[in-house]
């Protein structure tokens, strides 16, 4: 778990190696990539499935968001440029706002039951664009104005794309990062990006050199706050308990602990501490997707500013596993909807360590005089319902 602390550093280091060249001309570059014939030969022996950021195998015709973990590109998500003036063709772009379009990946082999590395696939958006008809398939077109082969949409299914590991030697503690390759006859190109000042967007282009590092996230419903708005990654929220006891989640130091830092996560009957949800995906938080949950404490904690990430810690004196705030970056939590009355949005929070069933986050009334607080605890029993309220900042 501690190795995950290095995850943001890995992405920053990788981004220094993969920054695209916006003036690069693919026509005059002598670099040769693997040919399509070579890729087919690899595919006959390589049966490694492509996996999403949660480690699950991509399913043919499943809905996925494609996004980049590169911080230099704002961790953008692949989507459509909805410009009615350009119908029936639309650009495939990298968006850094909350808009994103899921992509359906279909193997060229109609009998394929998995999306495999280094095998031919078609890509199409699962998006409603009434003005542009059914032009949702990825295609390559040459743009004479910028001298680049760009990705745009059309209405015919083609399978010239491959998904390959961008960094084959990367350690297993990190999400697998991929690149997309486009092959025509015996010529292959990386899918990279180019910032087009004419349309003020970063377009996906074919390149001999640079490539866009990508990961995949399964499309699930967005998590909604208490008024029905989508939760946005990076914004501040209070987590509210809607069952006994009612209150807000807060970060405190309990007398029973010898810790010098506030690290216990409790239900407070007054004002709680704001929470930030972090995910490597679209700007909004999705159900059933691994997340990092961290505090942004209301009160300064000068001696322990790093103890803000939700994690777990067993307590032998009670036999419970409590939710604790630590300094370790831990992407092990999920949020899922639970039954709730009309026009309300109640959720359960889960803790999902590798290779074990997920725990539910519930509550535990610790009546010891040195504690006397309702703590968040991990259990396989019935989950505790929560809802989320956005913190309004001035």
Protein backbone atom coordinates (compact mmCIF):
# COMPACT_ATOMS: atom_id res chain seq x y z
CA UNK A 1 0.00 0.00 0.00
CA UNK A 2 2.89 2.34 0.84
CA UNK A 3 4.28 1.94 -2.66
CA UNK A 4 1.26 3.85 -3.95
CA UNK A 5 2.77 7.03 -2.55
CA UNK A 6 5.03 7.07 -5.59
CA UNK A 7 2.13 6.97 -8.05
CA UNK A 8 1.84 10.73 -8.72
CA UNK A 9 5.64 10.91 -9.05
CA UNK A 10 5.57 8.15 -11.64
CA UNK A 11 3.04 10.01 -13.77
CA UNK A 12 5.02 13.24 -13.51
CA UNK A 13 8.20 11.46 -14.54
CA UNK A 14 6.45 9.74 -17.39
CA UNK A 15 4.96 13.00 -18.59
CA UNK A 16 8.45 14.41 -19.12
CA UNK A 17 9.12 11.59 -21.54
CA UNK A 18 5.90 11.74 -23.50
CA UNK A 19 5.15 15.40 -24.12
CA UNK A 20 3.99 15.67 -27.72
CA UNK A 21 5.68 17.90 -30.25
CA UNK A 22 2.95 20.28 -31.52
CA UNK A 23 4.85 21.16 -34.68
CA UNK A 24 5.85 17.63 -35.56
CA UNK A 25 5.33 16.52 -39.16
CA UNK A 26 4.67 12.83 -39.53
CA UNK A 27 5.43 12.86 -43.24
CA UNK A 28 9.10 13.76 -42.97
CA UNK A 29 10.08 11.77 -39.92
CA UNK A 30 12.26 8.74 -40.74
CA UNK A 31 11.37 6.76 -37.61
CA UNK A 32 9.75 3.43 -38.42
CA UNK A 33 7.30 1.80 -36.07
CA UNK A 34 6.41 -1.92 -36.08
CA UNK A 35 4.57 -2.91 -39.22
CA UNK A 36 1.06 -4.29 -39.25
CA UNK A 37 2.42 -7.65 -40.36
CA UNK A 38 4.69 -7.72 -37.31
CA UNK A 39 1.77 -6.83 -35.05
CA UNK A 40 -0.32 -9.69 -36.44
CA UNK A 41 2.57 -12.06 -35.75
CA UNK A 42 2.75 -10.82 -32.17
CA UNK A 43 -1.00 -11.16 -31.74
CA UNK A 44 -0.89 -14.85 -32.59
CA UNK A 45 1.24 -15.52 -29.49
CA UNK A 46 0.22 -12.69 -27.19
CA UNK A 47 -3.07 -13.30 -25.43
CA UNK A 48 -2.68 -10.69 -22.71
CA UNK A 49 -6.02 -8.97 -22.04
CA UNK A 50 -6.24 -5.20 -21.75
CA UNK A 51 -7.36 -4.15 -18.25
CA UNK A 52 -9.00 -1.03 -16.84
CA UNK A 53 -7.71 1.04 -13.92
CA UNK A 54 -9.36 -1.35 -11.46
CA UNK A 55 -7.53 -4.33 -12.99
CA UNK A 56 -10.64 -5.77 -14.70
CA UNK A 57 -10.39 -7.11 -18.24
CA UNK A 58 -11.96 -4.93 -20.93
CA UNK A 59 -15.05 -6.55 -22.42
CA UNK A 60 -15.84 -6.34 -26.15
CA UNK A 61 -18.60 -3.80 -26.84
CA UNK A 62 -18.35 -2.52 -23.24
CA UNK A 63 -18.50 1.20 -22.46
CA UNK A 64 -15.24 2.77 -21.31
CA UNK A 65 -13.83 6.21 -20.75
CA UNK A 66 -10.37 6.69 -22.22
CA UNK A 67 -8.26 9.23 -20.39
CA UNK A 68 -4.63 10.15 -19.88
CA UNK A 69 -2.90 10.15 -16.49
CA UNK A 70 -0.38 12.67 -17.81
CA UNK A 71 -0.62 15.74 -15.52
CA UNK A 72 0.84 17.94 -18.26
CA UNK A 73 -2.30 17.25 -20.29
CA UNK A 74 -4.63 17.91 -17.38
CA UNK A 75 -5.57 14.22 -17.13
CA UNK A 76 -7.91 14.84 -20.02
CA UNK A 77 -10.65 12.50 -21.24
CA UNK A 78 -11.18 11.55 -24.88
CA UNK A 79 -14.39 12.95 -26.29
CA UNK A 80 -16.16 14.51 -29.26
CA UNK A 81 -15.96 18.12 -30.37
CA UNK A 82 -19.64 18.90 -30.79
CA UNK A 83 -19.53 21.48 -33.56
CA UNK A 84 -22.71 21.28 -35.62
CA UNK A 85 -21.01 23.30 -38.37
CA UNK A 86 -18.63 20.38 -39.00
CA UNK A 87 -21.25 17.62 -39.34
CA UNK A 88 -21.19 14.91 -40.42
CA UNK A 89 -17.51 14.80 -39.34
CA UNK A 90 -16.46 15.59 -35.78
CA UNK A 91 -13.00 15.78 -34.23
CA UNK A 92 -11.75 13.36 -31.60
CA UNK A 93 -10.31 15.57 -28.88
CA UNK A 94 -8.84 15.46 -25.40
CA UNK A 95 -11.15 17.33 -23.05
CA UNK A 96 -10.06 18.63 -19.65
CA UNK A 97 -13.48 19.67 -18.39
CA UNK A 98 -16.27 17.48 -17.04
CA UNK A 99 -17.46 16.43 -20.50
CA UNK A 100 -16.52 12.96 -21.62
CA UNK A 101 -17.87 10.46 -24.11
CA UNK A 102 -17.67 6.72 -23.49
CA UNK A 103 -16.05 4.57 -26.15
CA UNK A 104 -17.04 1.10 -27.31
CA UNK A 105 -14.06 -1.08 -28.29
CA UNK A 106 -14.85 -3.97 -30.64
CA UNK A 107 -12.29 -6.59 -31.71
CA UNK A 108 -11.91 -7.23 -35.44
CA UNK A 109 -12.30 -10.92 -34.67
CA UNK A 110 -16.08 -11.40 -34.31
CA UNK A 111 -15.49 -14.45 -32.10
CA UNK A 112 -13.25 -12.62 -29.62
CA UNK A 113 -14.42 -12.72 -26.01
CA UNK A 114 -11.73 -10.36 -24.73
CA UNK A 115 -10.00 -7.17 -25.78
CA UNK A 116 -6.41 -8.32 -26.19
CA UNK A 117 -3.21 -6.34 -26.43
CA UNK A 118 -1.72 -5.92 -29.93
CA UNK A 119 -4.84 -7.11 -31.77
CA UNK A 120 -6.96 -5.07 -34.15
CA UNK A 121 -9.95 -3.17 -32.76
CA UNK A 122 -12.49 -0.58 -33.84
CA UNK A 123 -13.33 2.40 -31.67
CA UNK A 124 -16.63 4.24 -31.65
CA UNK A 125 -18.28 6.72 -29.33
CA UNK A 126 -21.40 5.68 -27.47
CA UNK A 127 -22.84 9.16 -27.70
CA UNK A 128 -25.98 10.78 -28.98
CA UNK A 129 -25.23 13.39 -31.66
CA UNK A 130 -28.58 13.85 -33.47
CA UNK A 131 -27.31 16.52 -35.84
CA UNK A 132 -24.45 14.35 -37.05
CA UNK A 133 -26.28 11.06 -37.50
CA UNK A 134 -24.42 7.84 -36.74
CA UNK A 135 -20.97 9.26 -37.40
CA UNK A 136 -19.33 7.94 -34.25
CA UNK A 137 -16.60 5.58 -35.55
CA UNK A 138 -12.96 6.66 -35.27
CA UNK A 139 -11.28 7.31 -38.61
CA UNK A 140 -8.11 9.01 -39.83
CA UNK A 141 -8.20 12.02 -42.16
CA UNK A 142 -5.44 14.30 -43.40
CA UNK A 143 -5.84 17.95 -42.44
CA UNK A 144 -3.98 20.05 -44.99
CA UNK A 145 -4.21 23.20 -42.83
CA UNK A 146 -2.10 21.78 -40.03
CA UNK A 147 -0.23 19.10 -41.99
CA UNK A 148 -1.37 16.31 -39.66
CA UNK A 149 -3.33 13.10 -39.95
CA UNK A 150 -6.09 13.62 -37.38
CA UNK A 151 -8.72 11.36 -35.87
CA UNK A 152 -12.27 12.24 -36.77
CA UNK A 153 -15.57 10.40 -36.82
CA UNK A 154 -17.30 8.62 -39.67
CA UNK A 155 -20.14 6.15 -40.19
CA UNK A 156 -18.15 3.08 -41.24
CA UNK A 157 -16.69 0.49 -38.88
CA UNK A 158 -12.94 0.04 -39.35
CA UNK A 159 -10.51 -1.93 -37.20
CA UNK A 160 -7.07 -0.37 -37.71
CA UNK A 161 -6.40 0.32 -34.02
CA UNK A 162 -4.34 -1.63 -31.53
CA UNK A 163 -3.87 -1.21 -27.78
CA UNK A 164 -0.32 -1.78 -26.57
CA UNK A 165 1.54 -1.31 -23.32
CA UNK A 166 3.27 2.03 -23.27
CA UNK A 167 5.75 0.97 -20.60
CA UNK A 168 6.16 -2.83 -20.66
CA UNK A 169 8.61 -2.85 -17.74
CA UNK A 170 6.47 -0.79 -15.35
CA UNK A 171 6.01 -2.32 -11.92
CA UNK A 172 2.82 -4.11 -10.97
CA UNK A 173 2.10 -1.66 -8.15
CA UNK A 174 0.96 0.91 -10.71
CA UNK A 175 -1.96 0.95 -13.17
CA UNK A 176 -1.00 -0.38 -16.57
CA UNK A 177 -0.58 2.52 -18.99
CA UNK A 178 -1.30 1.91 -22.66
CA UNK A 179 -0.91 3.62 -26.00
CA UNK A 180 -3.15 3.33 -29.04
CA UNK A 181 -1.60 2.49 -32.39
CA UNK A 182 -3.07 2.98 -35.85
CA UNK A 183 -1.96 0.64 -38.66
CA UNK A 184 -2.71 1.04 -42.34
CA UNK A 185 -1.34 -1.72 -44.59
CA UNK A 186 2.23 -2.16 -43.32
CA UNK A 187 2.54 1.29 -41.78
CA UNK A 188 1.84 1.97 -38.09
CA UNK A 189 1.56 5.24 -36.18
CA UNK A 190 1.15 6.21 -32.57
CA UNK A 191 -1.98 8.10 -31.56
CA UNK A 192 -0.74 11.34 -30.03
CA UNK A 193 -2.08 14.84 -29.55
CA UNK A 194 -1.76 18.22 -31.23
CA UNK A 195 -3.06 21.50 -29.84
CA UNK A 196 -4.92 23.21 -32.66
CA UNK A 197 -5.14 26.94 -32.08
CA UNK A 198 -7.79 27.22 -34.81
CA UNK A 199 -10.35 25.28 -32.78
CA UNK A 200 -8.76 25.83 -29.34
CA UNK A 201 -8.68 22.12 -28.57
CA UNK A 202 -6.16 19.30 -28.28
CA UNK A 203 -6.88 16.94 -31.16
CA UNK A 204 -5.88 13.28 -31.45
CA UNK A 205 -3.42 12.83 -34.33
CA UNK A 206 -1.18 10.16 -35.81
CA UNK A 207 2.49 10.49 -34.95
CA UNK A 208 5.76 8.73 -35.67
CA UNK A 209 7.21 9.80 -32.35
CA UNK A 210 5.12 10.91 -29.42
CA UNK A 211 2.11 9.04 -28.10
CA UNK A 212 -0.76 9.73 -25.78
CA UNK A 213 -0.52 7.55 -22.64
CA UNK A 214 -3.99 6.25 -21.79
CA UNK A 215 -5.85 4.14 -19.29
CA UNK A 216 -9.40 2.82 -19.40
CA UNK A 217 -12.24 3.26 -16.92
CA UNK A 218 -15.50 1.36 -17.12
CA UNK A 219 -18.53 3.57 -17.53
CA UNK A 220 -20.75 3.50 -14.48
CA UNK A 221 -23.37 5.97 -13.18
CA UNK A 222 -22.00 9.16 -11.65
CA UNK A 223 -22.26 9.63 -7.89
CA UNK A 224 -24.72 12.43 -7.04
CA UNK A 225 -24.71 14.84 -4.13
CA UNK A 226 -27.71 15.50 -1.88
CA UNK A 227 -29.39 17.75 -4.47
CA UNK A 228 -28.72 15.46 -7.45
CA UNK A 229 -25.63 17.14 -8.93
CA UNK A 230 -22.67 15.04 -10.01
CA UNK A 231 -19.77 14.78 -7.59
CA UNK A 232 -16.70 16.40 -9.12
CA UNK A 233 -13.25 15.04 -8.39
CA UNK A 234 -11.14 17.66 -6.67
CA UNK A 235 -14.06 19.70 -5.27
CA UNK A 236 -14.83 19.93 -1.56
CA UNK A 237 -17.70 17.95 0.00
CA UNK A 238 -19.02 17.10 3.43
CA UNK A 239 -19.99 13.47 4.00
CA UNK A 240 -23.26 13.38 5.90
CA UNK A 241 -24.57 10.49 7.95
CA UNK A 242 -28.31 10.19 7.37
CA UNK A 243 -28.95 7.42 9.88
CA UNK A 244 -28.36 7.12 13.60
CA UNK A 245 -26.22 8.95 14.45
CA UNK A 246 -26.82 11.86 12.14
CA UNK A 247 -23.96 14.27 11.64
CA UNK A 248 -20.93 14.94 9.46
CA UNK A 249 -17.70 13.00 9.01
CA UNK A 250 -14.80 14.71 10.80
CA UNK A 251 -11.08 14.24 11.45
CA UNK A 252 -10.08 14.21 15.14
CA UNK A 253 -7.49 12.92 17.59
CA UNK A 254 -8.97 10.64 20.23
CA UNK A 255 -7.42 10.44 23.68
CA UNK A 256 -7.17 6.67 23.43
CA UNK A 257 -4.53 7.01 20.71
CA UNK A 258 -0.91 7.78 21.25
CA UNK A 259 -0.74 9.47 17.87
CA UNK A 260 0.36 13.09 17.88
CA UNK A 261 -1.80 13.78 14.85
CA UNK A 262 -5.58 13.94 14.39
CA UNK A 263 -6.13 10.68 12.56
CA UNK A 264 -9.45 9.21 13.69
CA UNK A 265 -12.47 9.44 11.43
CA UNK A 266 -15.69 9.99 13.36
CA UNK A 267 -19.28 11.17 12.99
CA UNK A 268 -19.47 14.64 14.49
CA UNK A 269 -22.82 16.09 15.52
CA UNK A 270 -21.78 19.54 14.35
CA UNK A 271 -19.50 20.65 11.53
CA UNK A 272 -17.36 18.06 9.77
CA UNK A 273 -14.15 18.42 7.78
CA UNK A 274 -14.33 18.78 3.99
CA UNK A 275 -13.47 15.80 1.81
CA UNK A 276 -11.83 15.61 -1.61
CA UNK A 277 -12.40 12.62 -3.89
CA UNK A 278 -9.61 11.79 -6.32
CA UNK A 279 -9.78 9.39 -9.25
CA UNK A 280 -7.82 8.82 -12.44
CA UNK A 281 -10.72 9.40 -14.73
CA UNK A 282 -13.35 11.87 -15.83
CA UNK A 283 -13.76 14.99 -13.75
CA UNK A 284 -16.83 13.49 -12.10
CA UNK A 285 -16.86 10.65 -9.58
CA UNK A 286 -18.30 7.34 -10.81
CA UNK A 287 -19.95 4.55 -8.87
CA UNK A 288 -18.00 1.32 -8.27
CA UNK A 289 -14.69 2.91 -9.24
CA UNK A 290 -11.64 2.96 -6.98
CA UNK A 291 -11.06 6.35 -5.38
CA UNK A 292 -8.77 8.16 -3.01
CA UNK A 293 -10.58 9.97 -0.21
CA UNK A 294 -8.71 12.70 1.65
CA UNK A 295 -9.49 15.39 4.19
CA UNK A 296 -8.88 19.08 3.84
CA UNK A 297 -9.10 19.86 7.57
CA UNK A 298 -10.89 22.99 8.73
CA UNK A 299 -8.33 23.52 11.49
CA UNK A 300 -4.59 23.72 10.68
CA UNK A 301 -2.56 20.64 11.60
CA UNK A 302 1.02 21.93 11.36
CA UNK A 303 2.67 18.83 12.86
CA UNK A 304 0.86 16.31 10.67
CA UNK A 305 -0.20 17.97 7.45
CA UNK A 306 0.14 14.70 5.51
CA UNK A 307 -2.22 12.60 7.64
CA UNK A 308 -5.26 13.26 5.48
CA UNK A 309 -5.74 10.13 3.32
CA UNK A 310 -8.38 7.61 4.30
CA UNK A 311 -7.00 4.19 5.10
CA UNK A 312 -7.61 1.43 7.65
CA UNK A 313 -6.04 0.30 10.91
CA UNK A 314 -6.91 -2.68 13.15
CA UNK A 315 -7.55 -1.96 16.83
CA UNK A 316 -6.72 -5.06 18.94
CA UNK A 317 -8.37 -3.61 22.03
CA UNK A 318 -11.79 -3.59 20.34
CA UNK A 319 -11.31 -6.22 17.63
CA UNK A 320 -12.44 -3.67 15.04
CA UNK A 321 -10.81 -2.26 11.91
CA UNK A 322 -11.27 1.50 11.95
CA UNK A 323 -11.03 4.03 9.15
CA UNK A 324 -7.97 6.16 9.85
CA UNK A 325 -6.35 9.14 8.21
CA UNK A 326 -2.73 8.42 7.26
CA UNK A 327 -0.03 9.90 5.07
CA UNK A 328 -0.25 7.05 2.56
CA UNK A 329 -1.97 7.69 -0.78
CA UNK A 330 -4.53 4.87 -0.89
CA UNK A 331 -6.88 4.36 -3.87
CA UNK A 332 -8.95 1.64 -2.22
CA UNK A 333 -12.41 3.12 -1.68
CA UNK A 334 -15.58 2.84 -3.77
CA UNK A 335 -19.02 4.44 -3.62
CA UNK A 336 -22.23 2.64 -4.60
CA UNK A 337 -25.91 3.58 -4.54
CA UNK A 338 -28.21 2.10 -1.89
CA UNK A 339 -32.04 2.18 -1.84
CA UNK A 340 -33.34 5.58 -0.85
CA UNK A 341 -36.63 7.52 -0.92
CA UNK A 342 -37.62 9.45 -4.02
CA UNK A 343 -35.51 12.51 -4.78
CA UNK A 344 -32.83 11.47 -2.29
CA UNK A 345 -29.39 10.11 -3.05
CA UNK A 346 -28.00 7.71 -0.46
CA UNK A 347 -24.77 5.75 -0.91
CA UNK A 348 -22.55 3.26 0.81
CA UNK A 349 -18.79 3.66 0.99
CA UNK A 350 -16.65 0.54 0.60
CA UNK A 351 -13.00 -0.28 1.29
CA UNK A 352 -11.60 -2.71 -1.27
CA UNK A 353 -8.07 -3.99 -0.59
CA UNK A 354 -6.47 -6.19 -3.29
CA UNK A 355 -7.51 -9.84 -3.55
CA UNK A 356 -10.06 -9.67 -0.72
CA UNK A 357 -13.80 -8.95 -0.57
CA UNK A 358 -14.76 -5.33 -0.10
CA UNK A 359 -15.65 -4.10 3.38
CA UNK A 360 -18.57 -1.79 4.02
CA UNK A 361 -17.89 1.43 5.91
CA UNK A 362 -20.23 1.54 8.89
CA UNK A 363 -20.29 3.11 12.35
CA UNK A 364 -19.13 1.93 15.76
CA UNK A 365 -20.08 3.61 19.01
CA UNK A 366 -16.90 3.54 21.07
CA UNK A 367 -18.16 4.09 24.61
CA UNK A 368 -14.82 3.98 26.37
CA UNK A 369 -14.50 7.14 28.52
CA UNK A 370 -11.27 8.04 26.75
CA UNK A 371 -13.09 7.97 23.39
CA UNK A 372 -16.88 8.45 23.63
CA UNK A 373 -17.30 8.91 19.88
CA UNK A 374 -18.94 7.23 16.90
CA UNK A 375 -16.09 6.02 14.71
CA UNK A 376 -16.12 4.81 11.13
CA UNK A 377 -15.40 1.10 11.02
CA UNK A 378 -14.95 -1.57 8.35
CA UNK A 379 -17.41 -4.45 8.42
CA UNK A 380 -19.01 -7.13 6.28
CA UNK A 381 -22.35 -6.30 7.86
CA UNK A 382 -25.00 -3.86 6.59
CA UNK A 383 -23.41 -0.64 5.34
CA UNK A 384 -24.16 2.75 6.83
CA UNK A 385 -25.90 5.15 4.40
CA UNK A 386 -24.27 8.48 3.56
CA UNK A 387 -24.95 11.41 1.31
CA UNK A 388 -22.70 14.22 0.08
CA UNK A 389 -23.04 17.97 0.34
CA UNK A 390 -20.89 20.34 -1.67
CA UNK A 391 -18.88 22.85 0.33
CA UNK A 392 -19.48 26.35 -0.99
CA UNK A 393 -16.23 28.29 -1.09
CA UNK A 394 -15.97 32.04 -1.58
